[in-house]
Amino acid sequence: MSTGDKIENVGDKLKGKVKETAGKAVGNERLEAEGKADQVKGDVRQAGEHVKDAFKH
C-alpha cells in the first residue's frame, strides 16, 4: 500500500468521523449516516489495499 493511499484512507475515516459527530450534535441523521458511510469506505479501501499487498509478496 502506498503512502498516498494510506493517507487517503485515513482521511476518509477522519472526514467520516467528523461528519458523524457533527450530525449527532445537530440532530441531522443524514449527515450522521454519511459520516458512517465515509468511515466504512475508508475501511473497505484499506482492506482492499491489504489484499493487494498480500498478493505482491
N, C-alpha and C. Protein backbone atom coordinates (compact mmCIF):
# COMPACT_ATOMS: atom_id res chain seq x y z
N MET A 1 0.86 -1.17 0.00
CA MET A 1 0.00 0.00 0.00
C MET A 1 0.90 1.23 0.00
N SER A 2 0.61 2.13 -0.92
CA SER A 2 1.42 3.33 -0.98
C SER A 2 1.05 4.30 0.14
N THR A 3 1.95 5.18 0.43
CA THR A 3 1.72 6.16 1.49
C THR A 3 0.54 7.05 1.14
N GLY A 4 0.42 7.40 -0.13
CA GLY A 4 -0.70 8.24 -0.57
C GLY A 4 -2.04 7.56 -0.33
N ASP A 5 -2.09 6.25 -0.60
CA ASP A 5 -3.33 5.50 -0.37
C ASP A 5 -3.65 5.45 1.12
N LYS A 6 -2.64 5.24 1.93
CA LYS A 6 -2.85 5.19 3.39
C LYS A 6 -3.42 6.51 3.88
N ILE A 7 -2.85 7.58 3.42
CA ILE A 7 -3.30 8.91 3.84
C ILE A 7 -4.73 9.15 3.39
N GLU A 8 -5.04 8.76 2.16
CA GLU A 8 -6.39 8.96 1.65
C GLU A 8 -7.41 8.14 2.44
N ASN A 9 -7.06 6.91 2.78
CA ASN A 9 -7.97 6.06 3.54
C ASN A 9 -8.20 6.62 4.94
N VAL A 10 -7.14 7.07 5.59
CA VAL A 10 -7.27 7.67 6.92
C VAL A 10 -8.07 8.96 6.82
N GLY A 11 -7.86 9.70 5.73
CA GLY A 11 -8.62 10.94 5.52
C GLY A 11 -10.11 10.68 5.40
N ASP A 12 -10.47 9.61 4.66
CA ASP A 12 -11.89 9.25 4.55
C ASP A 12 -12.47 8.91 5.92
N LYS A 13 -11.71 8.14 6.68
CA LYS A 13 -12.20 7.75 8.00
C LYS A 13 -12.35 8.96 8.92
N LEU A 14 -11.37 9.86 8.88
CA LEU A 14 -11.42 11.05 9.72
C LEU A 14 -12.57 11.97 9.30
N LYS A 15 -12.71 12.17 7.99
CA LYS A 15 -13.80 13.00 7.48
C LYS A 15 -15.14 12.41 7.91
N GLY A 16 -15.24 11.11 7.84
CA GLY A 16 -16.47 10.44 8.24
C GLY A 16 -16.77 10.62 9.71
N LYS A 17 -15.75 10.54 10.53
CA LYS A 17 -15.94 10.71 11.99
C LYS A 17 -16.41 12.13 12.30
N VAL A 18 -15.83 13.10 11.60
CA VAL A 18 -16.23 14.50 11.81
C VAL A 18 -17.69 14.69 11.39
N LYS A 19 -18.06 14.14 10.23
CA LYS A 19 -19.45 14.27 9.77
C LYS A 19 -20.41 13.59 10.75
N GLU A 20 -20.03 12.39 11.19
CA GLU A 20 -20.89 11.66 12.13
C GLU A 20 -21.09 12.45 13.41
N THR A 21 -20.01 12.98 13.96
CA THR A 21 -20.08 13.75 15.20
C THR A 21 -20.92 15.02 15.01
N ALA A 22 -20.71 15.70 13.89
CA ALA A 22 -21.47 16.92 13.62
C ALA A 22 -22.96 16.59 13.45
N GLY A 23 -23.24 15.50 12.77
CA GLY A 23 -24.63 15.08 12.59
C GLY A 23 -25.31 14.79 13.91
N LYS A 24 -24.59 14.10 14.79
CA LYS A 24 -25.15 13.81 16.12
C LYS A 24 -25.38 15.10 16.89
N ALA A 25 -24.44 16.03 16.80
CA ALA A 25 -24.51 17.27 17.57
C ALA A 25 -25.72 18.12 17.17
N VAL A 26 -26.02 18.14 15.88
CA VAL A 26 -27.12 18.99 15.42
C VAL A 26 -28.40 18.20 15.16
N GLY A 27 -28.36 16.90 15.39
CA GLY A 27 -29.55 16.08 15.19
C GLY A 27 -29.87 15.80 13.73
N ASN A 28 -28.84 15.82 12.89
CA ASN A 28 -29.03 15.58 11.45
C ASN A 28 -28.67 14.13 11.16
N GLU A 29 -29.69 13.29 11.02
CA GLU A 29 -29.46 11.86 10.82
C GLU A 29 -28.78 11.57 9.48
N ARG A 30 -29.10 12.37 8.46
CA ARG A 30 -28.49 12.16 7.14
C ARG A 30 -26.99 12.41 7.19
N LEU A 31 -26.58 13.48 7.83
CA LEU A 31 -25.16 13.80 7.95
C LEU A 31 -24.45 12.73 8.78
N GLU A 32 -25.09 12.27 9.82
CA GLU A 32 -24.53 11.22 10.66
C GLU A 32 -24.34 9.93 9.83
N ALA A 33 -25.33 9.59 9.02
CA ALA A 33 -25.24 8.39 8.18
C ALA A 33 -24.15 8.54 7.12
N GLU A 34 -24.02 9.72 6.54
CA GLU A 34 -22.96 9.97 5.56
C GLU A 34 -21.60 9.78 6.21
N GLY A 35 -21.47 10.24 7.43
CA GLY A 35 -20.21 10.09 8.15
C GLY A 35 -19.87 8.64 8.39
N LYS A 36 -20.85 7.87 8.78
CA LYS A 36 -20.61 6.43 8.99
C LYS A 36 -20.23 5.77 7.67
N ALA A 37 -20.89 6.17 6.58
CA ALA A 37 -20.59 5.60 5.27
C ALA A 37 -19.16 5.94 4.84
N ASP A 38 -18.73 7.16 5.09
CA ASP A 38 -17.36 7.55 4.74
C ASP A 38 -16.34 6.72 5.52
N GLN A 39 -16.65 6.45 6.78
CA GLN A 39 -15.74 5.64 7.59
C GLN A 39 -15.64 4.22 7.04
N VAL A 40 -16.78 3.67 6.66
CA VAL A 40 -16.79 2.31 6.09
C VAL A 40 -16.03 2.30 4.77
N LYS A 41 -16.20 3.34 3.97
CA LYS A 41 -15.49 3.44 2.69
C LYS A 41 -13.98 3.40 2.92
N GLY A 42 -13.51 4.14 3.91
CA GLY A 42 -12.08 4.14 4.23
C GLY A 42 -11.62 2.77 4.69
N ASP A 43 -12.43 2.10 5.50
CA ASP A 43 -12.08 0.76 5.98
C ASP A 43 -12.02 -0.24 4.84
N VAL A 44 -12.99 -0.19 3.93
CA VAL A 44 -13.05 -1.13 2.81
C VAL A 44 -11.86 -0.91 1.88
N ARG A 45 -11.56 0.34 1.58
CA ARG A 45 -10.42 0.64 0.71
C ARG A 45 -9.12 0.16 1.34
N GLN A 46 -9.00 0.35 2.65
CA GLN A 46 -7.80 -0.08 3.35
C GLN A 46 -7.69 -1.61 3.30
N ALA A 47 -8.79 -2.31 3.49
CA ALA A 47 -8.78 -3.77 3.42
C ALA A 47 -8.38 -4.24 2.02
N GLY A 48 -8.90 -3.56 1.00
CA GLY A 48 -8.54 -3.90 -0.38
C GLY A 48 -7.05 -3.72 -0.63
N GLU A 49 -6.48 -2.67 -0.09
CA GLU A 49 -5.05 -2.44 -0.24
C GLU A 49 -4.24 -3.54 0.44
N HIS A 50 -4.72 -4.00 1.59
CA HIS A 50 -4.02 -5.08 2.30
C HIS A 50 -4.04 -6.37 1.48
N VAL A 51 -5.16 -6.63 0.81
CA VAL A 51 -5.27 -7.82 -0.04
C VAL A 51 -4.28 -7.72 -1.20
N LYS A 52 -4.23 -6.55 -1.83
CA LYS A 52 -3.29 -6.35 -2.95
C LYS A 52 -1.85 -6.55 -2.48
N ASP A 53 -1.54 -6.02 -1.30
CA ASP A 53 -0.19 -6.18 -0.76
C ASP A 53 0.14 -7.64 -0.50
N ALA A 54 -0.84 -8.40 -0.04
CA ALA A 54 -0.61 -9.81 0.26
C ALA A 54 -0.25 -10.58 -1.01
N PHE A 55 -0.86 -10.22 -2.13
CA PHE A 55 -0.57 -10.93 -3.38
C PHE A 55 0.74 -10.49 -4.00
N LYS A 56 1.23 -9.33 -3.64
CA LYS A 56 2.51 -8.84 -4.16
C LYS A 56 3.67 -9.59 -3.54
N HIS A 57 3.50 -10.09 -2.34
CA HIS A 57 4.59 -10.72 -1.62
C HIS A 57 4.58 -12.15 -1.87
